[in-house]
Amino acid sequence: VAFAHAFAGPILGTQNLGGSIMYSNLRVVGGSNHLLLPTNLLRLTGAVVRVEACSSAAVNALYPGDFSSVFSPRAVALLRASGHSGRQFNFAMGRVLGAWALPPPPARFVRYTVPSLELRRLLAEARGAGEAFALEYSVLAGPEGDEAWRGSSAGVRRGSVSEDP
């Protein structure tokens, strides 16, 4: 059971918040970065969607999970000197512990990608919060790509959702 939980779930694509993923930095959605094994074989999560803008406080408290503000300036400088952007994101911390575990979201909106199934969940949570919100998104071309693709792909379709309860 433990083996299936730790390893079969990510390979099949039925789990994306497991310990083996967290400690290995394994990409489960949008293409595998594992040398030997593919991930998300069942493709149950749908297409990769980039959220372009969102006005929901409930959603923005969790996504993209930017916790870069907790790093010291020296740590950020060290990351940048090694070719890293100096920013770290971890939506899973907010998902598991709650939004209180993350620092407040940055003032400027940061675009991020999620599986289309997760976008449906985000919309349900925004509706459940009973707040007026607007969300714009792009469905990215193809089932997988690298970080440059996630940021720069024009997308095959754009959409928006706006609700005022």
Protein backbone atom coordinates (compact mmCIF):
# COMPACT_ATOMS: atom_id res chain seq x y z
CA VAL A 1 0.00 0.00 0.00
CA ALA A 2 2.80 2.43 0.90
CA PHE A 3 4.62 1.70 -2.35
CA ALA A 4 1.46 2.33 -4.37
CA HIS A 5 0.82 5.57 -2.49
CA ALA A 6 4.36 6.84 -2.95
CA PHE A 7 5.15 5.69 -6.46
CA ALA A 8 2.19 4.32 -8.43
CA GLY A 9 0.00 7.41 -7.86
CA PRO A 10 2.41 9.89 -9.48
CA ILE A 11 3.20 7.52 -12.36
CA LEU A 12 -0.49 6.99 -13.11
CA GLY A 13 -1.34 10.64 -12.49
CA THR A 14 -3.80 10.07 -9.66
CA GLN A 15 -1.72 11.86 -7.04
CA ASN A 16 0.32 15.06 -7.15
CA LEU A 17 0.89 15.95 -3.48
CA GLY A 18 2.83 12.95 -2.21
CA GLY A 19 6.08 12.89 -0.28
CA SER A 20 8.03 11.31 -3.11
CA ILE A 21 7.01 14.21 -5.35
CA MET A 22 7.85 16.85 -2.79
CA TYR A 23 11.34 15.60 -2.04
CA SER A 24 12.26 14.70 -5.61
CA ASN A 25 10.84 17.85 -7.29
CA LEU A 26 9.03 15.47 -9.63
CA ARG A 27 6.80 17.13 -12.21
CA VAL A 28 3.53 15.21 -12.49
CA VAL A 29 1.43 17.50 -14.69
CA GLY A 30 2.58 19.05 -17.95
CA GLY A 31 5.22 16.46 -18.75
CA SER A 32 7.54 14.29 -16.74
CA ASN A 33 11.02 15.34 -15.66
CA HIS A 34 11.97 11.86 -14.44
CA LEU A 35 14.90 10.23 -16.22
CA LEU A 36 13.41 6.72 -16.39
CA LEU A 37 9.71 6.78 -15.57
CA PRO A 38 6.90 8.81 -17.11
CA THR A 39 4.27 10.46 -14.94
CA ASN A 40 0.55 11.15 -15.37
CA LEU A 41 0.02 8.17 -17.69
CA LEU A 42 -3.76 8.23 -17.29
CA ARG A 43 -3.98 12.01 -18.01
CA LEU A 44 -6.98 12.37 -15.69
CA THR A 45 -6.15 15.97 -14.83
CA GLY A 46 -6.82 17.37 -18.30
CA ALA A 47 -4.96 20.07 -20.20
CA VAL A 48 -2.53 22.48 -18.60
CA VAL A 49 -4.12 25.88 -17.99
CA ARG A 50 -2.30 29.14 -17.25
CA VAL A 51 -4.20 31.51 -14.97
CA GLU A 52 -3.56 34.98 -16.42
CA ALA A 53 -5.47 37.05 -13.85
CA CYS A 54 -7.70 36.40 -10.85
CA SER A 55 -9.47 38.77 -8.48
CA SER A 56 -10.65 36.12 -5.97
CA ALA A 57 -9.08 36.64 -2.55
CA ALA A 58 -9.80 32.99 -1.64
CA VAL A 59 -7.97 31.67 -4.71
CA ASN A 60 -5.13 34.19 -4.56
CA ALA A 61 -4.43 33.26 -0.94
CA LEU A 62 -3.52 29.72 -2.11
CA TYR A 63 -2.15 30.12 -5.64
CA PRO A 64 0.53 30.31 -6.83
CA GLY A 65 1.82 29.86 -3.27
CA ASP A 66 4.66 32.37 -3.59
CA PHE A 67 6.72 32.16 -0.41
CA SER A 68 9.77 34.02 -1.72
CA SER A 69 9.17 36.85 0.73
CA VAL A 70 10.37 34.69 3.64
CA PHE A 71 13.87 34.41 2.17
CA SER A 72 16.58 36.75 3.35
CA PRO A 73 18.06 39.12 0.76
CA ARG A 74 21.31 37.12 1.00
CA ALA A 75 19.49 33.87 0.16
CA VAL A 76 17.77 35.50 -2.84
CA ALA A 77 21.11 36.89 -4.05
CA LEU A 78 22.69 33.43 -3.75
CA LEU A 79 19.85 31.85 -5.72
CA ARG A 80 20.10 34.48 -8.45
CA ALA A 81 23.88 34.13 -8.64
CA SER A 82 23.41 30.44 -9.39
CA GLY A 83 21.01 31.12 -12.26
CA HIS A 84 17.77 30.72 -10.29
CA SER A 85 14.98 33.30 -10.45
CA GLY A 86 15.11 33.80 -6.70
CA ARG A 87 11.43 32.97 -6.36
CA GLN A 88 9.90 29.86 -4.85
CA PHE A 89 6.32 28.64 -5.18
CA ASN A 90 4.56 25.91 -3.23
CA PHE A 91 0.78 25.82 -3.49
CA ALA A 92 0.80 22.44 -1.75
CA MET A 93 1.73 24.04 1.57
CA GLY A 94 -1.47 26.09 1.46
CA ARG A 95 -3.48 23.12 0.23
CA VAL A 96 -2.33 20.86 3.05
CA LEU A 97 -2.00 23.31 5.95
CA GLY A 98 -4.33 26.09 4.86
CA ALA A 99 -3.83 29.56 3.43
CA TRP A 100 -2.63 30.82 6.82
CA ALA A 101 0.64 28.88 6.28
CA LEU A 102 1.60 31.00 3.27
CA PRO A 103 2.78 34.62 3.32
CA PRO A 104 0.29 37.14 1.90
CA PRO A 105 0.21 37.07 -1.91
CA PRO A 106 2.37 39.64 -3.72
CA ALA A 107 0.70 42.91 -4.72
CA ARG A 108 1.29 42.20 -8.41
CA PHE A 109 -0.48 39.11 -9.77
CA VAL A 110 1.84 36.25 -10.76
CA ARG A 111 0.64 33.98 -13.57
CA TYR A 112 0.73 30.25 -12.84
CA THR A 113 -0.24 26.94 -14.40
CA VAL A 114 -2.58 24.27 -13.08
CA PRO A 115 -4.28 21.22 -14.59
CA SER A 116 -7.76 21.99 -15.92
CA LEU A 117 -9.22 19.74 -13.21
CA GLU A 118 -7.58 21.96 -10.58
CA LEU A 119 -8.98 25.08 -12.29
CA ARG A 120 -12.47 23.64 -11.80
CA ARG A 121 -11.65 23.14 -8.12
CA LEU A 122 -10.41 26.74 -7.82
CA LEU A 123 -13.59 28.07 -9.38
CA ALA A 124 -15.70 25.98 -7.00
CA GLU A 125 -13.76 27.37 -4.03
CA ALA A 126 -14.18 30.96 -5.25
CA ARG A 127 -17.90 30.37 -5.65
CA GLY A 128 -18.04 28.73 -2.23
CA ALA A 129 -16.44 31.82 -0.67
CA GLY A 130 -19.44 33.81 -1.91
CA GLU A 131 -17.29 36.58 -3.34
CA ALA A 132 -17.53 38.42 -6.64
CA PHE A 133 -14.55 37.47 -8.79
CA ALA A 134 -13.14 37.40 -12.30
CA LEU A 135 -10.63 34.88 -13.60
CA GLU A 136 -8.88 34.82 -16.99
CA TYR A 137 -7.04 31.75 -18.28
CA SER A 138 -5.31 30.25 -21.32
CA VAL A 139 -5.38 26.57 -22.23
CA LEU A 140 -1.82 25.73 -23.29
CA ALA A 141 -1.07 23.84 -26.49
CA GLY A 142 -0.22 20.19 -26.02
CA PRO A 143 -0.14 18.06 -22.89
CA GLU A 144 3.39 18.90 -21.78
CA GLY A 145 6.30 21.29 -21.93
CA ASP A 146 9.06 22.91 -19.91
CA GLU A 147 8.96 26.03 -17.76
CA ALA A 148 9.56 28.33 -20.75
CA TRP A 149 6.50 26.77 -22.44
CA ARG A 150 4.41 27.33 -19.33
CA GLY A 151 5.31 31.01 -19.29
CA SER A 152 5.37 31.94 -22.95
CA SER A 153 2.94 29.65 -24.80
CA ALA A 154 0.25 31.67 -26.55
CA GLY A 155 -2.25 28.96 -25.73
CA VAL A 156 -4.84 27.39 -27.99
CA ARG A 157 -7.82 28.96 -26.27
CA ARG A 158 -8.42 31.81 -23.85
CA GLY A 159 -11.34 32.00 -21.48
CA SER A 160 -12.72 34.02 -18.65
CA VAL A 161 -15.15 33.51 -15.81
CA SER A 162 -16.83 36.35 -14.00
CA GLU A 163 -19.34 35.95 -11.19
CA ASP A 164 -21.16 38.23 -8.81
CA PRO A 165 -23.24 36.25 -6.30
